[in-house]
C-alpha atoms as a PDB file:
ATOM      1  CA  MET A   1      -8.815 -10.115  20.962  1.00  0.00           C
ATOM      2  CA  VAL A   2      -6.678  -9.876  17.848  1.00  0.00           C
ATOM      3  CA  LYS A   3      -8.532 -10.103  14.541  1.00  0.00           C
ATOM      4  CA  GLU A   4      -7.499 -13.024  12.346  1.00  0.00           C
ATOM      5  CA  LEU A   5      -5.914 -12.047   9.042  1.00  0.00           C
ATOM      6  CA  ASP A   6      -7.509 -12.933   5.743  1.00  0.00           C
ATOM      7  CA  PRO A   7      -5.352 -14.866   3.227  1.00  0.00           C
ATOM      8  CA  ARG A   8      -4.353 -11.749   1.262  1.00  0.00           C
ATOM      9  CA  GLU A   9      -3.306  -9.897   4.431  1.00  0.00           C
ATOM     10  CA  ASP A  10      -1.250 -12.892   5.539  1.00  0.00           C
ATOM     11  CA  LEU A  11       0.324 -13.093   2.070  1.00  0.00           C
ATOM     12  CA  PHE A  12       1.222  -9.402   2.330  1.00  0.00           C
ATOM     13  CA  CYS A  13       2.988 -10.091   5.658  1.00  0.00           C
ATOM     14  CA  SER A  14       4.826 -13.086   4.181  1.00  0.00           C
ATOM     15  CA  ASN A  15       5.992 -11.070   1.176  1.00  0.00           C
ATOM     16  CA  TYR A  16       7.012  -8.125   3.351  1.00  0.00           C
ATOM     17  CA  THR A  17       9.257 -10.375   5.459  1.00  0.00           C
ATOM     18  CA  ALA A  18      10.589 -12.602   2.641  1.00  0.00           C
ATOM     19  CA  VAL A  19      14.350 -12.120   3.028  1.00  0.00           C
ATOM     20  CA  GLY A  20      16.265 -12.019  -0.249  1.00  0.00           C
ATOM     21  CA  THR A  21      13.309 -11.024  -2.410  1.00  0.00           C
ATOM     22  CA  GLU A  22      12.380  -7.728  -4.024  1.00  0.00           C
ATOM     23  CA  THR A  23       9.359  -7.482  -1.718  1.00  0.00           C
ATOM     24  CA  PHE A  24      11.433  -7.617   1.500  1.00  0.00           C
ATOM     25  CA  ASN A  25      10.614  -4.495   3.565  1.00  0.00           C
ATOM     26  CA  HIS A  26       9.014  -2.924   0.484  1.00  0.00           C
ATOM     27  CA  LYS A  27       5.376  -2.203   1.199  1.00  0.00           C
ATOM     28  CA  GLU A  28       4.223  -1.395  -2.346  1.00  0.00           C
ATOM     29  CA  LYS A  29       5.835  -4.451  -3.961  1.00  0.00           C
ATOM     30  CA  SER A  30       4.544  -6.647  -1.128  1.00  0.00           C
ATOM     31  CA  GLY A  31       1.053  -5.273  -1.694  1.00  0.00           C
ATOM     32  CA  ILE A  32       1.181  -5.981  -5.422  1.00  0.00           C
ATOM     33  CA  ALA A  33       2.514  -9.488  -4.815  1.00  0.00           C
ATOM     34  CA  ALA A  34      -0.336 -10.086  -2.363  1.00  0.00           C
ATOM     35  CA  GLY A  35      -2.890  -9.234  -5.040  1.00  0.00           C
ATOM     36  CA  TYR A  36      -3.677  -5.567  -4.435  1.00  0.00           C
ATOM     37  CA  ALA A  37      -4.065  -3.427  -7.573  1.00  0.00           C
ATOM     38  CA  GLU A  38      -0.888  -1.611  -8.604  1.00  0.00           C
ATOM     39  CA  ALA A  39      -2.673   1.740  -8.436  1.00  0.00           C
ATOM     40  CA  SER A  40      -3.665   1.258  -4.797  1.00  0.00           C
ATOM     41  CA  ALA A  41      -1.010  -1.144  -3.477  1.00  0.00           C
ATOM     42  CA  LYS A  42       1.083   1.493  -1.710  1.00  0.00           C
ATOM     43  CA  ASN A  43      -1.968   3.038  -0.044  1.00  0.00           C
ATOM     44  CA  GLN A  44      -3.336  -0.365   0.992  1.00  0.00           C
ATOM     45  CA  ALA A  45       0.074  -1.411   2.336  1.00  0.00           C
ATOM     46  CA  THR A  46       0.359   1.780   4.370  1.00  0.00           C
ATOM     47  CA  LYS A  47      -3.044   1.086   5.929  1.00  0.00           C
ATOM     48  CA  LEU A  48      -2.116  -2.537   6.614  1.00  0.00           C
ATOM     49  CA  LEU A  49       1.160  -1.633   8.308  1.00  0.00           C
ATOM     50  CA  LYS A  50      -0.721   0.605  10.763  1.00  0.00           C
ATOM     51  CA  ARG A  51      -2.883  -2.270  12.019  1.00  0.00           C
ATOM     52  CA  PRO A  52      -1.679  -3.967  15.234  1.00  0.00           C
ATOM     53  CA  GLU A  53      -2.561  -7.481  14.035  1.00  0.00           C
ATOM     54  CA  ILE A  54      -0.495  -6.946  10.862  1.00  0.00           C
ATOM     55  CA  GLN A  55       2.452  -5.676  12.904  1.00  0.00           C
ATOM     56  CA  GLN A  56       2.118  -8.676  15.215  1.00  0.00           C
ATOM     57  CA  ARG A  57       2.165 -11.103  12.271  1.00  0.00           C
ATOM     58  CA  ILE A  58       5.181  -9.350  10.737  1.00  0.00           C
ATOM     59  CA  ASP A  59       6.991  -9.570  14.076  1.00  0.00           C
ATOM     60  CA  GLU A  60       6.184 -13.294  14.278  1.00  0.00           C
ATOM     61  CA  LEU A  61       7.518 -13.883  10.756  1.00  0.00           C
ATOM     62  CA  LYS A  62      10.691 -11.892  11.458  1.00  0.00           C
ATOM     63  CA  ALA A  63      11.281 -13.946  14.608  1.00  0.00           C
ATOM     64  CA  GLU A  64      10.842 -17.137  12.575  1.00  0.00           C
ATOM     65  CA  ASN A  65      13.368 -15.816  10.016  1.00  0.00           C
ATOM     66  CA  ARG A  66      15.898 -15.055  12.755  1.00  0.00           C
ATOM     67  CA  GLN A  67      15.452 -18.488  14.319  1.00  0.00           C
ATOM     68  CA  ARG A  68      15.572 -20.343  10.984  1.00  0.00           C
ATOM     69  CA  ASN A  69      18.757 -18.518   9.982  1.00  0.00           C
ATOM     70  CA  ASN A  70      20.297 -18.766  13.451  1.00  0.00           C
ATOM     71  CA  VAL A  71      20.613 -15.003  13.713  1.00  0.00           C
ATOM     72  CA  SER A  72      20.689 -13.141  16.977  1.00  0.00           C
ATOM     73  CA  THR A  73      22.036  -9.788  18.051  1.00  0.00           C
ATOM     74  CA  ASP A  74      24.971 -11.578  19.658  1.00  0.00           C
ATOM     75  CA  SER A  75      25.835 -13.519  16.498  1.00  0.00           C
ATOM     76  CA  VAL A  76      25.588 -10.388  14.326  1.00  0.00           C
ATOM     77  CA  VAL A  77      27.831  -8.407  16.659  1.00  0.00           C
ATOM     78  CA  GLU A  78      30.270 -11.330  16.920  1.00  0.00           C
ATOM     79  CA  ASN A  79      30.548 -11.605  13.118  1.00  0.00           C
ATOM     80  CA  LEU A  80      30.871  -7.851  12.643  1.00  0.00           C
ATOM     81  CA  THR A  81      33.545  -7.658  15.342  1.00  0.00           C
ATOM     82  CA  HIS A  82      35.489 -10.415  13.595  1.00  0.00           C
ATOM     83  CA  ASP A  83      35.136  -8.632  10.240  1.00  0.00           C
ATOM     84  CA  ARG A  84      36.223  -5.340  11.793  1.00  0.00           C
ATOM     85  CA  ASP A  85      39.289  -6.922  13.354  1.00  0.00           C
ATOM     86  CA  MET A  86      40.228  -8.573  10.033  1.00  0.00           C
ATOM     87  CA  ALA A  87      39.786  -5.265   8.198  1.00  0.00           C
ATOM     88  CA  ARG A  88      42.021  -3.481  10.714  1.00  0.00           C
ATOM     89  CA  ALA A  89      44.670  -6.177  10.398  1.00  0.00           C
ATOM     90  CA  LYS A  90      44.677  -5.622   6.618  1.00  0.00           C
ATOM     91  CA  GLY A  91      44.708  -1.836   7.007  1.00  0.00           C
ATOM     92  CA  ASP A  92      41.272  -1.502   5.379  1.00  0.00           C
ATOM     93  CA  TRP A  93      40.125   1.373   7.574  1.00  0.00           C
ATOM     94  CA  GLN A  94      36.992   2.094   5.560  1.00  0.00           C
ATOM     95  CA  ALA A  95      35.721  -1.467   6.089  1.00  0.00           C
ATOM     96  CA  ALA A  96      36.682  -1.344   9.773  1.00  0.00           C
ATOM     97  CA  ILE A  97      34.796   1.911  10.293  1.00  0.00           C
ATOM     98  CA  ARG A  98      31.758   0.525   8.450  1.00  0.00           C
ATOM     99  CA  ALA A  99      31.808  -2.589  10.664  1.00  0.00           C
ATOM    100  CA  ASP A 100      31.919  -0.354  13.759  1.00  0.00           C
ATOM    101  CA  GLU A 101      28.971   1.618  12.395  1.00  0.00           C
ATOM    102  CA  LEU A 102      26.979  -1.579  11.816  1.00  0.00           C
ATOM    103  CA  ILE A 103      27.814  -2.843  15.311  1.00  0.00           C
ATOM    104  CA  GLY A 104      26.507   0.443  16.717  1.00  0.00           C
ATOM    105  CA  LYS A 105      23.317   0.210  14.660  1.00  0.00           C
ATOM    106  CA  THR A 106      22.783  -3.420  15.666  1.00  0.00           C
ATOM    107  CA  LEU A 107      23.087  -2.484  19.320  1.00  0.00           C
ATOM    108  CA  GLY A 108      20.744   0.490  18.902  1.00  0.00           C
ATOM    109  CA  CYS A 109      23.369   3.159  19.497  1.00  0.00           C
ATOM    110  CA  PHE A 110      22.116   5.197  16.513  1.00  0.00           C
ATOM    111  CA  VAL A 111      18.644   5.923  15.201  1.00  0.00           C
ATOM    112  CA  ASP A 112      18.362   6.476  11.452  1.00  0.00           C
ATOM    113  CA  LYS A 113      14.612   6.920  11.350  1.00  0.00           C
ATOM    114  CA  GLN A 114      11.856   7.194  13.881  1.00  0.00           C
ATOM    115  CA  GLU A 115       8.402   5.999  12.962  1.00  0.00           C
ATOM    116  CA  ILE A 116       5.361   6.900  15.012  1.00  0.00           C
ATOM    117  CA  THR A 117       2.957   3.995  15.147  1.00  0.00           C
ATOM    118  CA  ASP A 118       0.851   5.152  18.094  1.00  0.00           C
ATOM    119  CA  THR A 119      -2.242   6.712  16.507  1.00  0.00           C
ATOM    120  CA  GLN A 120      -3.065   8.754  19.635  1.00  0.00           C
ATOM    121  CA  CYS A 121       0.428  10.233  19.574  1.00  0.00           C
ATOM    122  CA  GLN A 122       0.063  10.934  15.843  1.00  0.00           C
ATOM    123  CA  ARG A 123      -3.289  12.667  16.410  1.00  0.00           C
ATOM    124  CA  GLU A 124      -1.724  14.850  19.114  1.00  0.00           C
ATOM    125  CA  LEU A 125       1.142  15.771  16.805  1.00  0.00           C
ATOM    126  CA  ASP A 126      -1.283  16.554  13.966  1.00  0.00           C
ATOM    127  CA  GLU A 127      -3.418  18.721  16.260  1.00  0.00           C
ATOM    128  CA  LYS A 128      -0.378  20.611  17.534  1.00  0.00           C
ATOM    129  CA  ALA A 129       0.856  21.174  13.972  1.00  0.00           C
ATOM    130  CA  SER A 130      -2.593  22.460  13.002  1.00  0.00           C
ATOM    131  CA  GLN A 131      -2.664  24.874  15.944  1.00  0.00           C
ATOM    132  CA  GLU A 132       0.821  26.113  15.085  1.00  0.00           C
ATOM    133  CA  ALA A 133      -0.218  26.642  11.445  1.00  0.00           C
ATOM    134  CA  VAL A 134      -3.233  28.725  12.548  1.00  0.00           C
ATOM    135  CA  GLU A 135      -1.069  30.820  14.856  1.00  0.00           C
ATOM    136  CA  LEU A 136       1.535  31.351  12.126  1.00  0.00           C
ATOM    137  CA  SER A 137      -1.212  32.484   9.734  1.00  0.00           C
ATOM    138  CA  ARG A 138      -2.519  34.941  12.333  1.00  0.00           C
ATOM    139  CA  LEU A 139       0.957  36.385  12.841  1.00  0.00           C
ATOM    140  CA  ARG A 140       1.559  36.725   9.096  1.00  0.00           C
ATOM    141  CA  LEU A 141      -1.764  38.514   8.605  1.00  0.00           C
ATOM    142  CA  ALA A 142      -1.055  40.829  11.540  1.00  0.00           C
ATOM    143  CA  SER A 143       2.331  41.669  10.046  1.00  0.00           C
ATOM    144  CA  LYS A 144       0.828  42.225   6.586  1.00  0.00           C
ATOM    145  CA  TYR A 145      -1.708  44.744   7.886  1.00  0.00           C
ATOM    146  CA  GLY A 146       0.661  46.447  10.326  1.00  0.00           C
ATOM    147  CA  LEU A 147      -1.085  45.195  13.440  1.00  0.00           C
ATOM    148  CA  THR A 148       0.858  44.370  16.561  1.00  0.00           C
ATOM    149  CA  GLU A 149      -1.450  41.449  17.135  1.00  0.00           C
ATOM    150  CA  MET A 150      -4.158  39.808  15.093  1.00  0.00           C
ATOM    151  CA  PRO A 151      -7.545  39.710  16.852  1.00  0.00           C
ATOM    152  CA  ALA A 152      -8.583  36.253  17.972  1.00  0.00           C
ATOM    153  CA  LYS A 153     -12.042  36.679  16.423  1.00  0.00           C
ATOM    154  CA  PRO A 154     -12.675  38.063  12.955  1.00  0.00           C
ATOM    155  CA  VAL A 155     -13.693  41.700  12.869  1.00  0.00           C
ATOM    156  CA  SER A 156     -16.669  42.501  10.665  1.00  0.00           C
ATOM    157  CA  ALA A 157     -15.953  44.894   7.791  1.00  0.00           C
ATOM    158  CA  GLU A 158     -19.542  46.187   7.902  1.00  0.00           C
ATOM    159  CA  LYS A 159     -20.331  49.235   9.993  1.00  0.00           C
ATOM    160  CA  LYS A 160     -23.547  49.129  11.882  1.00  0.00           C
ATOM    161  CA  VAL A 161     -25.639  52.210  11.401  1.00  0.00           C
ATOM    162  CA  GLY A 162     -27.616  52.943  14.475  1.00  0.00           C
END
């Protein structure tokens, strides 16, 4: 069951998806506009954007925006294709190339940024990075002390007298 959002969380989602405003896709400004303190707005927004119910609400609001503005992938590609063809006819190659680039992005041909939202996947990546950092430290220490390999367990510097 999805947790219902409180009014401030819902306001954050509305601000984050408000096309044509300074808060659009800007987590910190959306957080401030929703009533979070300026000092903690970015941190709060980051936490909010990781929550599935927040992502679901943002997706709902984006879908409403697309429907209200009669925007679909097909209409975007159709308009960009028209603009590209007009730019080519005028010899404006820079505009034509940019239109082609935007068509490719719209259709998902290019990925500018990948964001990991799966917390299990993120934990696995963090754990792997931690293990690699430990191994790198072991290798650096081994190199520093002229060892071919660093022992897996620490060696005691004390000698036992027996």
